[in-house]
Amino acid sequence: MTLVTITYGGRVVAAASARRMFLCERLALRPVADPERTFVIYMGAYAGDVLRGELPGPYSDEQARQYARAALIPGELLEHHLPNLERTARTLQIPASELRQARAEHDNPDQRSARGALS
């Protein structure tokens, strides 16, 4: 079984195989709706897709973050001014830093393409 290590916020937070994901204890014990936990689970879904050959590899945490943002943040939302980004992030149950990053990439597409955005 091949395992991919998932790092988020400078910490190893999970490991994923083609069919399973293992959260670190710190995230596993958090409530189901915890924004960081949810985000890392989507990063793990990306790792599984790569390991099954459904998406091109190799796995990278940056690509996994882009995948999670694309899955969790409606594109239409980024087309509008967000008067309270923190509240919007809480409503979406995602880390505010990821909503900020999605806004920055939406407002400056060159920032995303420079890092190899998902197609």
PDB file of N, CA and C in Angstrom:
ATOM      1  N   MET A   1       0.848  -1.174   0.000  1.00  0.00           N
ATOM      2  CA  MET A   1       0.000   0.000   0.000  1.00  0.00           C
ATOM      3  C   MET A   1       0.895   1.238   0.000  1.00  0.00           C
ATOM      4  N   THR A   2       0.648   2.130  -0.943  1.00  0.00           N
ATOM      5  CA  THR A   2       1.371   3.393  -1.016  1.00  0.00           C
ATOM      6  C   THR A   2       0.645   4.423  -0.160  1.00  0.00           C
ATOM      7  N   LEU A   3       1.386   5.139   0.686  1.00  0.00           N
ATOM      8  CA  LEU A   3       0.829   6.207   1.513  1.00  0.00           C
ATOM      9  C   LEU A   3       1.457   7.531   1.112  1.00  0.00           C
ATOM     10  N   VAL A   4       0.631   8.550   1.066  1.00  0.00           N
ATOM     11  CA  VAL A   4       1.071   9.915   0.812  1.00  0.00           C
ATOM     12  C   VAL A   4       0.914  10.684   2.119  1.00  0.00           C
ATOM     13  N   THR A   5       1.938  11.433   2.485  1.00  0.00           N
ATOM     14  CA  THR A   5       1.876  12.285   3.669  1.00  0.00           C
ATOM     15  C   THR A   5       1.260  13.618   3.271  1.00  0.00           C
ATOM     16  N   ILE A   6       0.291  14.072   4.056  1.00  0.00           N
ATOM     17  CA  ILE A   6      -0.388  15.341   3.792  1.00  0.00           C
ATOM     18  C   ILE A   6       0.046  16.340   4.861  1.00  0.00           C
ATOM     19  N   THR A   7       0.574  17.462   4.391  1.00  0.00           N
ATOM     20  CA  THR A   7       1.047  18.512   5.288  1.00  0.00           C
ATOM     21  C   THR A   7       0.180  19.744   5.093  1.00  0.00           C
ATOM     22  N   TYR A   8      -0.205  20.358   6.209  1.00  0.00           N
ATOM     23  CA  TYR A   8      -1.007  21.578   6.152  1.00  0.00           C
ATOM     24  C   TYR A   8      -0.580  22.467   7.310  1.00  0.00           C
ATOM     25  N   GLY A   9      -0.350  23.722   7.012  1.00  0.00           N
ATOM     26  CA  GLY A   9       0.059  24.659   8.056  1.00  0.00           C
ATOM     27  C   GLY A   9       1.389  24.291   8.692  1.00  0.00           C
ATOM     28  N   GLY A  10       2.272  23.655   7.901  1.00  0.00           N
ATOM     29  CA  GLY A  10       3.583  23.302   8.397  1.00  0.00           C
ATOM     30  C   GLY A  10       3.622  22.040   9.247  1.00  0.00           C
ATOM     31  N   ARG A  11       2.511  21.323   9.331  1.00  0.00           N
ATOM     32  CA  ARG A  11       2.449  20.101  10.135  1.00  0.00           C
ATOM     33  C   ARG A  11       1.955  18.934   9.296  1.00  0.00           C
ATOM     34  N   VAL A  12       2.426  17.746   9.615  1.00  0.00           N
ATOM     35  CA  VAL A  12       1.864  16.541   9.010  1.00  0.00           C
ATOM     36  C   VAL A  12       0.508  16.334   9.672  1.00  0.00           C
ATOM     37  N   VAL A  13      -0.550  16.301   8.850  1.00  0.00           N
ATOM     38  CA  VAL A  13      -1.905  16.231   9.395  1.00  0.00           C
ATOM     39  C   VAL A  13      -2.654  14.967   8.994  1.00  0.00           C
ATOM     40  N   ALA A  14      -2.129  14.233   8.013  1.00  0.00           N
ATOM     41  CA  ALA A  14      -2.824  13.025   7.569  1.00  0.00           C
ATOM     42  C   ALA A  14      -1.906  12.204   6.681  1.00  0.00           C
ATOM     43  N   ALA A  15      -2.345  10.985   6.442  1.00  0.00           N
ATOM     44  CA  ALA A  15      -1.709  10.116   5.448  1.00  0.00           C
ATOM     45  C   ALA A  15      -2.853   9.509   4.655  1.00  0.00           C
ATOM     46  N   ALA A  16      -2.641   9.344   3.359  1.00  0.00           N
ATOM     47  CA  ALA A  16      -3.703   8.816   2.506  1.00  0.00           C
ATOM     48  C   ALA A  16      -3.157   7.726   1.605  1.00  0.00           C
ATOM     49  N   SER A  17      -4.004   6.728   1.377  1.00  0.00           N
ATOM     50  CA  SER A  17      -3.720   5.697   0.380  1.00  0.00           C
ATOM     51  C   SER A  17      -4.744   5.886  -0.732  1.00  0.00           C
ATOM     52  N   ALA A  18      -4.758   4.990  -1.675  1.00  0.00           N
ATOM     53  CA  ALA A  18      -5.710   5.100  -2.772  1.00  0.00           C
ATOM     54  C   ALA A  18      -7.152   4.977  -2.275  1.00  0.00           C
ATOM     55  N   ARG A  19      -7.372   4.305  -1.168  1.00  0.00           N
ATOM     56  CA  ARG A  19      -8.741   4.052  -0.688  1.00  0.00           C
ATOM     57  C   ARG A  19      -9.049   4.538   0.731  1.00  0.00           C
ATOM     58  N   ARG A  20      -8.034   4.948   1.486  1.00  0.00           N
ATOM     59  CA  ARG A  20      -8.264   5.341   2.881  1.00  0.00           C
ATOM     60  C   ARG A  20      -7.468   6.582   3.225  1.00  0.00           C
ATOM     61  N   MET A  21      -7.911   7.229   4.307  1.00  0.00           N
ATOM     62  CA  MET A  21      -7.174   8.370   4.823  1.00  0.00           C
ATOM     63  C   MET A  21      -7.121   8.252   6.335  1.00  0.00           C
ATOM     64  N   PHE A  22      -5.995   8.654   6.895  1.00  0.00           N
ATOM     65  CA  PHE A  22      -5.777   8.583   8.327  1.00  0.00           C
ATOM     66  C   PHE A  22      -5.428   9.975   8.819  1.00  0.00           C
ATOM     67  N   LEU A  23      -6.337  10.583   9.594  1.00  0.00           N
ATOM     68  CA  LEU A  23      -6.093  11.919  10.148  1.00  0.00           C
ATOM     69  C   LEU A  23      -5.192  11.813  11.368  1.00  0.00           C
ATOM     70  N   CYS A  24      -4.385  12.849  11.606  1.00  0.00           N
ATOM     71  CA  CYS A  24      -3.623  12.901  12.851  1.00  0.00           C
ATOM     72  C   CYS A  24      -4.624  13.014  14.000  1.00  0.00           C
ATOM     73  N   GLU A  25      -4.191  12.637  15.173  1.00  0.00           N
ATOM     74  CA  GLU A  25      -5.096  12.613  16.324  1.00  0.00           C
ATOM     75  C   GLU A  25      -5.706  13.989  16.600  1.00  0.00           C
ATOM     76  N   ARG A  26      -4.893  15.037  16.447  1.00  0.00           N
ATOM     77  CA  ARG A  26      -5.377  16.404  16.713  1.00  0.00           C
ATOM     78  C   ARG A  26      -6.600  16.725  15.864  1.00  0.00           C
ATOM     79  N   LEU A  27      -6.606  16.334  14.587  1.00  0.00           N
ATOM     80  CA  LEU A  27      -7.759  16.603  13.718  1.00  0.00           C
ATOM     81  C   LEU A  27      -8.853  15.562  13.886  1.00  0.00           C
ATOM     82  N   ALA A  28      -8.473  14.325  14.114  1.00  0.00           N
ATOM     83  CA  ALA A  28      -9.470  13.254  14.259  1.00  0.00           C
ATOM     84  C   ALA A  28     -10.406  13.523  15.439  1.00  0.00           C
ATOM     85  N   LEU A  29      -9.913  14.187  16.465  1.00  0.00           N
ATOM     86  CA  LEU A  29     -10.724  14.452  17.656  1.00  0.00           C
ATOM     87  C   LEU A  29     -11.566  15.720  17.558  1.00  0.00           C
ATOM     88  N   ARG A  30     -11.358  16.494  16.513  1.00  0.00           N
ATOM     89  CA  ARG A  30     -12.136  17.731  16.348  1.00  0.00           C
ATOM     90  C   ARG A  30     -13.543  17.414  15.857  1.00  0.00           C
ATOM     91  N   PRO A  31     -14.468  18.359  16.056  1.00  0.00           N
ATOM     92  CA  PRO A  31     -15.841  18.160  15.546  1.00  0.00           C
ATOM     93  C   PRO A  31     -15.852  17.987  14.027  1.00  0.00           C
ATOM     94  N   VAL A  32     -16.828  17.286  13.531  1.00  0.00           N
ATOM     95  CA  VAL A  32     -16.948  17.003  12.100  1.00  0.00           C
ATOM     96  C   VAL A  32     -16.948  18.286  11.267  1.00  0.00           C
ATOM     97  N   ALA A  33     -17.546  19.352  11.777  1.00  0.00           N
ATOM     98  CA  ALA A  33     -17.658  20.602  11.015  1.00  0.00           C
ATOM     99  C   ALA A  33     -16.441  21.516  11.181  1.00  0.00           C
ATOM    100  N   ASP A  34     -15.373  21.062  11.814  1.00  0.00           N
ATOM    101  CA  ASP A  34     -14.186  21.889  11.991  1.00  0.00           C
ATOM    102  C   ASP A  34     -13.597  22.257  10.633  1.00  0.00           C
ATOM    103  N   PRO A  35     -13.358  23.551  10.379  1.00  0.00           N
ATOM    104  CA  PRO A  35     -12.880  23.974   9.058  1.00  0.00           C
ATOM    105  C   PRO A  35     -11.563  23.330   8.613  1.00  0.00           C
ATOM    106  N   GLU A  36     -10.586  23.258   9.502  1.00  0.00           N
ATOM    107  CA  GLU A  36      -9.302  22.672   9.117  1.00  0.00           C
ATOM    108  C   GLU A  36      -9.461  21.175   8.833  1.00  0.00           C
ATOM    109  N   ARG A  37     -10.229  20.499   9.655  1.00  0.00           N
ATOM    110  CA  ARG A  37     -10.473  19.058   9.460  1.00  0.00           C
ATOM    111  C   ARG A  37     -11.121  18.813   8.099  1.00  0.00           C
ATOM    112  N   THR A  38     -12.147  19.578   7.798  1.00  0.00           N
ATOM    113  CA  THR A  38     -12.840  19.443   6.516  1.00  0.00           C
ATOM    114  C   THR A  38     -11.878  19.681   5.361  1.00  0.00           C
ATOM    115  N   PHE A  39     -11.082  20.724   5.466  1.00  0.00           N
ATOM    116  CA  PHE A  39     -10.162  21.070   4.387  1.00  0.00           C
ATOM    117  C   PHE A  39      -9.146  19.956   4.161  1.00  0.00           C
ATOM    118  N   VAL A  40      -8.597  19.420   5.245  1.00  0.00           N
ATOM    119  CA  VAL A  40      -7.606  18.342   5.137  1.00  0.00           C
ATOM    120  C   VAL A  40      -8.238  17.085   4.545  1.00  0.00           C
ATOM    121  N   ILE A  41      -9.487  16.809   4.866  1.00  0.00           N
ATOM    122  CA  ILE A  41     -10.173  15.646   4.284  1.00  0.00           C
ATOM    123  C   ILE A  41     -10.249  15.794   2.765  1.00  0.00           C
ATOM    124  N   TYR A  42     -10.516  16.986   2.288  1.00  0.00           N
ATOM    125  CA  TYR A  42     -10.544  17.196   0.834  1.00  0.00           C
ATOM    126  C   TYR A  42      -9.150  17.086   0.228  1.00  0.00           C
ATOM    127  N   MET A  43      -8.127  17.509   0.959  1.00  0.00           N
ATOM    128  CA  MET A  43      -6.761  17.292   0.482  1.00  0.00           C
ATOM    129  C   MET A  43      -6.487  15.793   0.365  1.00  0.00           C
ATOM    130  N   GLY A  44      -7.002  15.029   1.326  1.00  0.00           N
ATOM    131  CA  GLY A  44      -6.856  13.576   1.273  1.00  0.00           C
ATOM    132  C   GLY A  44      -7.602  12.960   0.108  1.00  0.00           C
ATOM    133  N   ALA A  45      -8.756  13.525  -0.216  1.00  0.00           N
ATOM    134  CA  ALA A  45      -9.512  13.036  -1.385  1.00  0.00           C
ATOM    135  C   ALA A  45      -8.687  13.234  -2.653  1.00  0.00           C
ATOM    136  N   TYR A  46      -7.998  14.367  -2.742  1.00  0.00           N
ATOM    137  CA  TYR A  46      -7.127  14.619  -3.888  1.00  0.00           C
ATOM    138  C   TYR A  46      -6.008  13.569  -3.939  1.00  0.00           C
ATOM    139  N   ALA A  47      -5.387  13.300  -2.794  1.00  0.00           N
ATOM    140  CA  ALA A  47      -4.313  12.303  -2.749  1.00  0.00           C
ATOM    141  C   ALA A  47      -4.824  10.952  -3.245  1.00  0.00           C
ATOM    142  N   GLY A  48      -6.012  10.559  -2.801  1.00  0.00           N
ATOM    143  CA  GLY A  48      -6.588   9.296  -3.260  1.00  0.00           C
ATOM    144  C   GLY A  48      -6.816   9.286  -4.756  1.00  0.00           C
ATOM    145  N   ASP A  49      -7.325  10.397  -5.291  1.00  0.00           N
ATOM    146  CA  ASP A  49      -7.546  10.492  -6.742  1.00  0.00           C
ATOM    147  C   ASP A  49      -6.238  10.340  -7.514  1.00  0.00           C
ATOM    148  N   VAL A  50      -5.166  10.945  -6.998  1.00  0.00           N
ATOM    149  CA  VAL A  50      -3.859  10.832  -7.653  1.00  0.00           C
ATOM    150  C   VAL A  50      -3.356   9.389  -7.577  1.00  0.00           C
ATOM    151  N   LEU A  51      -3.464   8.784  -6.404  1.00  0.00           N
ATOM    152  CA  LEU A  51      -2.951   7.424  -6.230  1.00  0.00           C
ATOM    153  C   LEU A  51      -3.731   6.387  -7.047  1.00  0.00           C
ATOM    154  N   ARG A  52      -5.006   6.660  -7.304  1.00  0.00           N
ATOM    155  CA  ARG A  52      -5.808   5.752  -8.143  1.00  0.00           C
ATOM    156  C   ARG A  52      -5.626   6.038  -9.630  1.00  0.00           C
ATOM    157  N   GLY A  53      -4.905   7.096  -9.971  1.00  0.00           N
ATOM    158  CA  GLY A  53      -4.688   7.447 -11.364  1.00  0.00           C
ATOM    159  C   GLY A  53      -5.830   8.231 -11.988  1.00  0.00           C
ATOM    160  N   GLU A  54      -6.753   8.698 -11.170  1.00  0.00           N
ATOM    161  CA  GLU A  54      -7.876   9.490 -11.678  1.00  0.00           C
ATOM    162  C   GLU A  54      -7.460  10.923 -11.988  1.00  0.00           C
ATOM    163  N   LEU A  55      -6.412  11.388 -11.326  1.00  0.00           N
ATOM    164  CA  LEU A  55      -5.816  12.693 -11.599  1.00  0.00           C
ATOM    165  C   LEU A  55      -4.327  12.485 -11.810  1.00  0.00           C
ATOM    166  N   PRO A  56      -3.709  13.331 -12.638  1.00  0.00           N
ATOM    167  CA  PRO A  56      -2.269  13.159 -12.870  1.00  0.00           C
ATOM    168  C   PRO A  56      -1.465  13.469 -11.606  1.00  0.00           C
ATOM    169  N   GLY A  57      -0.386  12.775 -11.433  1.00  0.00           N
ATOM    170  CA  GLY A  57       0.475  12.980 -10.286  1.00  0.00           C
ATOM    171  C   GLY A  57       1.725  13.724 -10.694  1.00  0.00           C
ATOM    172  N   PRO A  58       2.647  13.833  -9.826  1.00  0.00           N
ATOM    173  CA  PRO A  58       2.640  13.289  -8.475  1.00  0.00           C
ATOM    174  C   PRO A  58       1.843  14.190  -7.528  1.00  0.00           C
ATOM    175  N   TYR A  59       1.525  13.659  -6.351  1.00  0.00           N
ATOM    176  CA  TYR A  59       0.818  14.423  -5.329  1.00  0.00           C
ATOM    177  C   TYR A  59       1.687  15.592  -4.866  1.00  0.00           C
ATOM    178  N   SER A  60       1.046  16.724  -4.642  1.00  0.00           N
ATOM    179  CA  SER A  60       1.705  17.849  -3.963  1.00  0.00           C
ATOM    180  C   SER A  60       0.677  18.497  -3.042  1.00  0.00           C
ATOM    181  N   ASP A  61       1.151  18.996  -1.912  1.00  0.00           N
ATOM    182  CA  ASP A  61       0.244  19.665  -0.972  1.00  0.00           C
ATOM    183  C   ASP A  61      -0.388  20.904  -1.606  1.00  0.00           C
ATOM    184  N   GLU A  62       0.380  21.631  -2.417  1.00  0.00           N
ATOM    185  CA  GLU A  62      -0.174  22.836  -3.049  1.00  0.00           C
ATOM    186  C   GLU A  62      -1.317  22.472  -3.997  1.00  0.00           C
ATOM    187  N   GLN A  63      -1.125  21.431  -4.813  1.00  0.00           N
ATOM    188  CA  GLN A  63      -2.204  20.993  -5.708  1.00  0.00           C
ATOM    189  C   GLN A  63      -3.391  20.496  -4.894  1.00  0.00           C
ATOM    190  N   ALA A  64      -3.125  19.827  -3.785  1.00  0.00           N
ATOM    191  CA  ALA A  64      -4.207  19.342  -2.922  1.00  0.00           C
ATOM    192  C   ALA A  64      -4.995  20.513  -2.332  1.00  0.00           C
ATOM    193  N   ARG A  65      -4.297  21.577  -1.960  1.00  0.00           N
ATOM    194  CA  ARG A  65      -4.997  22.767  -1.446  1.00  0.00           C
ATOM    195  C   ARG A  65      -5.858  23.398  -2.531  1.00  0.00           C
ATOM    196  N   GLN A  66      -5.344  23.474  -3.759  1.00  0.00           N
ATOM    197  CA  GLN A  66      -6.137  24.030  -4.858  1.00  0.00           C
ATOM    198  C   GLN A  66      -7.374  23.174  -5.111  1.00  0.00           C
ATOM    199  N   TYR A  67      -7.221  21.876  -5.065  1.00  0.00           N
ATOM    200  CA  TYR A  67      -8.336  20.938  -5.245  1.00  0.00           C
ATOM    201  C   TYR A  67      -9.395  21.173  -4.159  1.00  0.00           C
ATOM    202  N   ALA A  68      -8.941  21.255  -2.910  1.00  0.00           N
ATOM    203  CA  ALA A  68      -9.876  21.469  -1.797  1.00  0.00           C
ATOM    204  C   ALA A  68     -10.590  22.812  -1.932  1.00  0.00           C
ATOM    205  N   ARG A  69      -9.859  23.859  -2.290  1.00  0.00           N
ATOM    206  CA  ARG A  69     -10.509  25.165  -2.478  1.00  0.00           C
ATOM    207  C   ARG A  69     -11.549  25.096  -3.590  1.00  0.00           C
ATOM    208  N   ALA A  70     -11.205  24.435  -4.699  1.00  0.00           N
ATOM    209  CA  ALA A  70     -12.149  24.332  -5.821  1.00  0.00           C
ATOM    210  C   ALA A  70     -13.398  23.555  -5.421  1.00  0.00           C
ATOM    211  N   ALA A  71     -13.235  22.557  -4.579  1.00  0.00           N
ATOM    212  CA  ALA A  71     -14.376  21.746  -4.153  1.00  0.00           C
ATOM    213  C   ALA A  71     -15.249  22.454  -3.122  1.00  0.00           C
ATOM    214  N   LEU A  72     -14.643  23.253  -2.271  1.00  0.00           N
ATOM    215  CA  LEU A  72     -15.367  23.820  -1.125  1.00  0.00           C
ATOM    216  C   LEU A  72     -15.820  25.267  -1.297  1.00  0.00           C
ATOM    217  N   ILE A  73     -15.252  25.981  -2.261  1.00  0.00           N
ATOM    218  CA  ILE A  73     -15.588  27.396  -2.431  1.00  0.00           C
ATOM    219  C   ILE A  73     -16.289  27.582  -3.772  1.00  0.00           C
ATOM    220  N   PRO A  74     -17.573  27.951  -3.755  1.00  0.00           N
ATOM    221  CA  PRO A  74     -18.275  28.161  -5.029  1.00  0.00           C
ATOM    222  C   PRO A  74     -17.611  29.266  -5.845  1.00  0.00           C
ATOM    223  N   GLY A  75     -17.344  28.992  -7.096  1.00  0.00           N
ATOM    224  CA  GLY A  75     -16.696  29.966  -7.970  1.00  0.00           C
ATOM    225  C   GLY A  75     -17.450  31.276  -8.061  1.00  0.00           C
ATOM    226  N   GLU A  76     -18.777  31.198  -8.050  1.00  0.00           N
ATOM    227  CA  GLU A  76     -19.596  32.422  -8.150  1.00  0.00           C
ATOM    228  C   GLU A  76     -19.340  33.347  -6.970  1.00  0.00           C
ATOM    229  N   LEU A  77     -19.036  32.770  -5.815  1.00  0.00           N
ATOM    230  CA  LEU A  77     -18.796  33.570  -4.619  1.00  0.00           C
ATOM    231  C   LEU A  77     -17.580  34.475  -4.804  1.00  0.00           C
ATOM    232  N   LEU A  78     -16.594  33.994  -5.520  1.00  0.00           N
ATOM    233  CA  LEU A  78     -15.360  34.759  -5.706  1.00  0.00           C
ATOM    234  C   LEU A  78     -15.539  35.931  -6.653  1.00  0.00           C
ATOM    235  N   GLU A  79     -16.642  35.944  -7.380  1.00  0.00           N
ATOM    236  CA  GLU A  79     -16.913  37.027  -8.319  1.00  0.00           C
ATOM    237  C   GLU A  79     -17.518  38.248  -7.632  1.00  0.00           C
ATOM    238  N   HIS A  80     -17.830  38.129  -6.345  1.00  0.00           N
ATOM    239  CA  HIS A  80     -18.484  39.207  -5.603  1.00  0.00           C
ATOM    240  C   HIS A  80     -17.598  39.696  -4.460  1.00  0.00           C
ATOM    241  N   HIS A  81     -17.819  40.946  -4.081  1.00  0.00           N
ATOM    242  CA  HIS A  81     -17.134  41.510  -2.919  1.00  0.00           C
ATOM    243  C   HIS A  81     -17.616  40.774  -1.672  1.00  0.00           C
ATOM    244  N   LEU A  82     -16.685  40.402  -0.815  1.00  0.00           N
ATOM    245  CA  LEU A  82     -17.037  39.737   0.443  1.00  0.00           C
ATOM    246  C   LEU A  82     -16.790  40.714   1.587  1.00  0.00           C
ATOM    247  N   PRO A  83     -17.847  41.346   2.091  1.00  0.00           N
ATOM    248  CA  PRO A  83     -17.653  42.359   3.123  1.00  0.00           C
ATOM    249  C   PRO A  83     -17.083  41.790   4.427  1.00  0.00           C
ATOM    250  N   ASN A  84     -17.352  40.516   4.712  1.00  0.00           N
ATOM    251  CA  ASN A  84     -16.837  39.913   5.939  1.00  0.00           C
ATOM    252  C   ASN A  84     -16.290  38.530   5.594  1.00  0.00           C
ATOM    253  N   LEU A  85     -15.032  38.498   5.196  1.00  0.00           N
ATOM    254  CA  LEU A  85     -14.405  37.260   4.755  1.00  0.00           C
ATOM    255  C   LEU A  85     -14.394  36.203   5.857  1.00  0.00           C
ATOM    256  N   GLU A  86     -14.138  36.605   7.070  1.00  0.00           N
ATOM    257  CA  GLU A  86     -14.099  35.652   8.192  1.00  0.00           C
ATOM    258  C   GLU A  86     -15.456  34.977   8.374  1.00  0.00           C
ATOM    259  N   ARG A  87     -16.524  35.752   8.328  1.00  0.00           N
ATOM    260  CA  ARG A  87     -17.862  35.177   8.493  1.00  0.00           C
ATOM    261  C   ARG A  87     -18.212  34.262   7.325  1.00  0.00           C
ATOM    262  N   THR A  88     -17.822  34.657   6.122  1.00  0.00           N
ATOM    263  CA  THR A  88     -18.073  33.821   4.954  1.00  0.00           C
ATOM    264  C   THR A  88     -17.329  32.498   5.087  1.00  0.00           C
ATOM    265  N   ALA A  89     -16.089  32.544   5.538  1.00  0.00           N
ATOM    266  CA  ALA A  89     -15.304  31.322   5.729  1.00  0.00           C
ATOM    267  C   ALA A  89     -15.957  30.418   6.787  1.00  0.00           C
ATOM    268  N   ARG A  90     -16.437  31.007   7.878  1.00  0.00           N
ATOM    269  CA  ARG A  90     -17.133  30.205   8.903  1.00  0.00           C
ATOM    270  C   ARG A  90     -18.380  29.550   8.333  1.00  0.00           C
ATOM    271  N   THR A  91     -19.108  30.290   7.507  1.00  0.00           N
ATOM    272  CA  THR A  91     -20.322  29.747   6.896  1.00  0.00           C
ATOM    273  C   THR A  91     -19.987  28.574   5.975  1.00  0.00           C
ATOM    274  N   LEU A  92     -18.908  28.704   5.225  1.00  0.00           N
ATOM    275  CA  LEU A  92     -18.478  27.627   4.324  1.00  0.00           C
ATOM    276  C   LEU A  92     -17.766  26.504   5.073  1.00  0.00           C
ATOM    277  N   GLN A  93     -17.435  26.741   6.335  1.00  0.00           N
ATOM    278  CA  GLN A  93     -16.695  25.800   7.174  1.00  0.00           C
ATOM    279  C   GLN A  93     -15.330  25.464   6.579  1.00  0.00           C
ATOM    280  N   ILE A  94     -14.620  26.531   6.181  1.00  0.00           N
ATOM    281  CA  ILE A  94     -13.263  26.388   5.658  1.00  0.00           C
ATOM    282  C   ILE A  94     -12.359  27.380   6.384  1.00  0.00           C
ATOM    283  N   PRO A  95     -11.060  27.139   6.379  1.00  0.00           N
ATOM    284  CA  PRO A  95     -10.149  28.117   6.985  1.00  0.00           C
ATOM    285  C   PRO A  95     -10.204  29.453   6.223  1.00  0.00           C
ATOM    286  N   ALA A  96     -10.252  30.538   6.973  1.00  0.00           N
ATOM    287  CA  ALA A  96     -10.304  31.868   6.351  1.00  0.00           C
ATOM    288  C   ALA A  96      -9.099  32.103   5.449  1.00  0.00           C
ATOM    289  N   SER A  97      -7.954  31.564   5.819  1.00  0.00           N
ATOM    290  CA  SER A  97      -6.753  31.737   4.995  1.00  0.00           C
ATOM    291  C   SER A  97      -6.936  31.133   3.603  1.00  0.00           C
ATOM    292  N   GLU A  98      -7.705  30.067   3.498  1.00  0.00           N
ATOM    293  CA  GLU A  98      -7.944  29.437   2.195  1.00  0.00           C
ATOM    294  C   GLU A  98      -8.910  30.253   1.348  1.00  0.00           C
ATOM    295  N   LEU A  99      -9.882  30.872   1.986  1.00  0.00           N
ATOM    296  CA  LEU A  99     -10.788  31.754   1.240  1.00  0.00           C
ATOM    297  C   LEU A  99     -10.016  32.978   0.756  1.00  0.00           C
ATOM    298  N   ARG A 100      -9.130  33.496   1.605  1.00  0.00           N
ATOM    299  CA  ARG A 100      -8.275  34.616   1.207  1.00  0.00           C
ATOM    300  C   ARG A 100      -7.417  34.238  -0.003  1.00  0.00           C
ATOM    301  N   GLN A 101      -6.828  33.044   0.028  1.00  0.00           N
ATOM    302  CA  GLN A 101      -5.990  32.584  -1.075  1.00  0.00           C
ATOM    303  C   GLN A 101      -6.811  32.421  -2.351  1.00  0.00           C
ATOM    304  N   ALA A 102      -8.004  31.870  -2.227  1.00  0.00           N
ATOM    305  CA  ALA A 102      -8.875  31.711  -3.402  1.00  0.00           C
ATOM    306  C   ALA A 102      -9.220  33.071  -4.001  1.00  0.00           C
ATOM    307  N   ARG A 103      -9.487  34.057  -3.137  1.00  0.00           N
ATOM    308  CA  ARG A 103      -9.764  35.426  -3.627  1.00  0.00           C
ATOM    309  C   ARG A 103      -8.562  35.972  -4.368  1.00  0.00           C
ATOM    310  N   ALA A 104      -7.383  35.813  -3.788  1.00  0.00           N
ATOM    311  CA  ALA A 104      -6.161  36.334  -4.405  1.00  0.00           C
ATOM    312  C   ALA A 104      -5.933  35.682  -5.764  1.00  0.00           C
ATOM    313  N   GLU A 105      -6.139  34.379  -5.863  1.00  0.00           N
ATOM    314  CA  GLU A 105      -5.952  33.688  -7.137  1.00  0.00           C
ATOM    315  C   GLU A 105      -7.018  34.085  -8.149  1.00  0.00           C
ATOM    316  N   HIS A 106      -8.232  34.325  -7.678  1.00  0.00           N
ATOM    317  CA  HIS A 106      -9.302  34.757  -8.589  1.00  0.00           C
ATOM    318  C   HIS A 106      -9.011  36.150  -9.122  1.00  0.00           C
ATOM    319  N   ASP A 107      -8.533  37.031  -8.241  1.00  0.00           N
ATOM    320  CA  ASP A 107      -8.255  38.412  -8.637  1.00  0.00           C
ATOM    321  C   ASP A 107      -6.976  38.530  -9.468  1.00  0.00           C
ATOM    322  N   ASN A 108      -6.075  37.552  -9.346  1.00  0.00           N
ATOM    323  CA  ASN A 108      -4.806  37.573 -10.074  1.00  0.00           C
ATOM    324  C   ASN A 108      -4.533  36.165 -10.612  1.00  0.00           C
ATOM    325  N   PRO A 109      -5.130  35.811 -11.749  1.00  0.00           N
ATOM    326  CA  PRO A 109      -4.974  34.457 -12.290  1.00  0.00           C
ATOM    327  C   PRO A 109      -3.520  34.052 -12.527  1.00  0.00           C
ATOM    328  N   ASP A 110      -2.620  35.017 -12.737  1.00  0.00           N
ATOM    329  CA  ASP A 110      -1.207  34.690 -12.936  1.00  0.00           C
ATOM    330  C   ASP A 110      -0.617  34.037 -11.694  1.00  0.00           C
ATOM    331  N   GLN A 111      -1.137  34.387 -10.521  1.00  0.00           N
ATOM    332  CA  GLN A 111      -0.657  33.811  -9.272  1.00  0.00           C
ATOM    333  C   GLN A 111      -0.944  32.306  -9.262  1.00  0.00           C
ATOM    334  N   ARG A 112      -2.099  31.906  -9.742  1.00  0.00           N
ATOM    335  CA  ARG A 112      -2.483  30.497  -9.769  1.00  0.00           C
ATOM    336  C   ARG A 112      -1.680  29.749 -10.837  1.00  0.00           C
ATOM    337  N   SER A 113      -1.582  30.301 -12.031  1.00  0.00           N
ATOM    338  CA  SER A 113      -0.897  29.593 -13.114  1.00  0.00           C
ATOM    339  C   SER A 113       0.592  29.459 -12.840  1.00  0.00           C
ATOM    340  N   ALA A 114       1.157  30.363 -12.087  1.00  0.00           N
ATOM    341  CA  ALA A 114       2.578  30.268 -11.762  1.00  0.00           C
ATOM    342  C   ALA A 114       2.872  29.065 -10.894  1.00  0.00           C
ATOM    343  N   ARG A 115       1.866  28.604 -10.138  1.00  0.00           N
ATOM    344  CA  ARG A 115       2.058  27.462  -9.280  1.00  0.00           C
ATOM    345  C   ARG A 115       1.530  26.172  -9.889  1.00  0.00           C
ATOM    346  N   GLY A 116       1.014  26.236 -11.105  1.00  0.00           N
ATOM    347  CA  GLY A 116       0.536  25.011 -11.749  1.00  0.00           C
ATOM    348  C   GLY A 116      -0.859  24.642 -11.298  1.00  0.00           C
ATOM    349  N   ALA A 117      -1.820  25.481 -11.590  1.00  0.00           N
ATOM    350  CA  ALA A 117      -3.202  25.248 -11.165  1.00  0.00           C
ATOM    351  C   ALA A 117      -3.764  23.983 -11.789  1.00  0.00           C
ATOM    352  N   LEU A 118      -4.749  23.438 -11.095  1.00  0.00           N
ATOM    353  CA  LEU A 118      -5.478  22.285 -11.626  1.00  0.00           C
ATOM    354  C   LEU A 118      -6.253  22.691 -12.863  1.00  0.00           C
ATOM    355  N   SER A 119      -6.297  21.846 -13.808  1.00  0.00           N
ATOM    356  CA  SER A 119      -7.048  22.156 -15.041  1.00  0.00           C
ATOM    357  C   SER A 119      -8.431  21.578 -14.971  1.00  0.00           C
TER     358      SER A 119
END
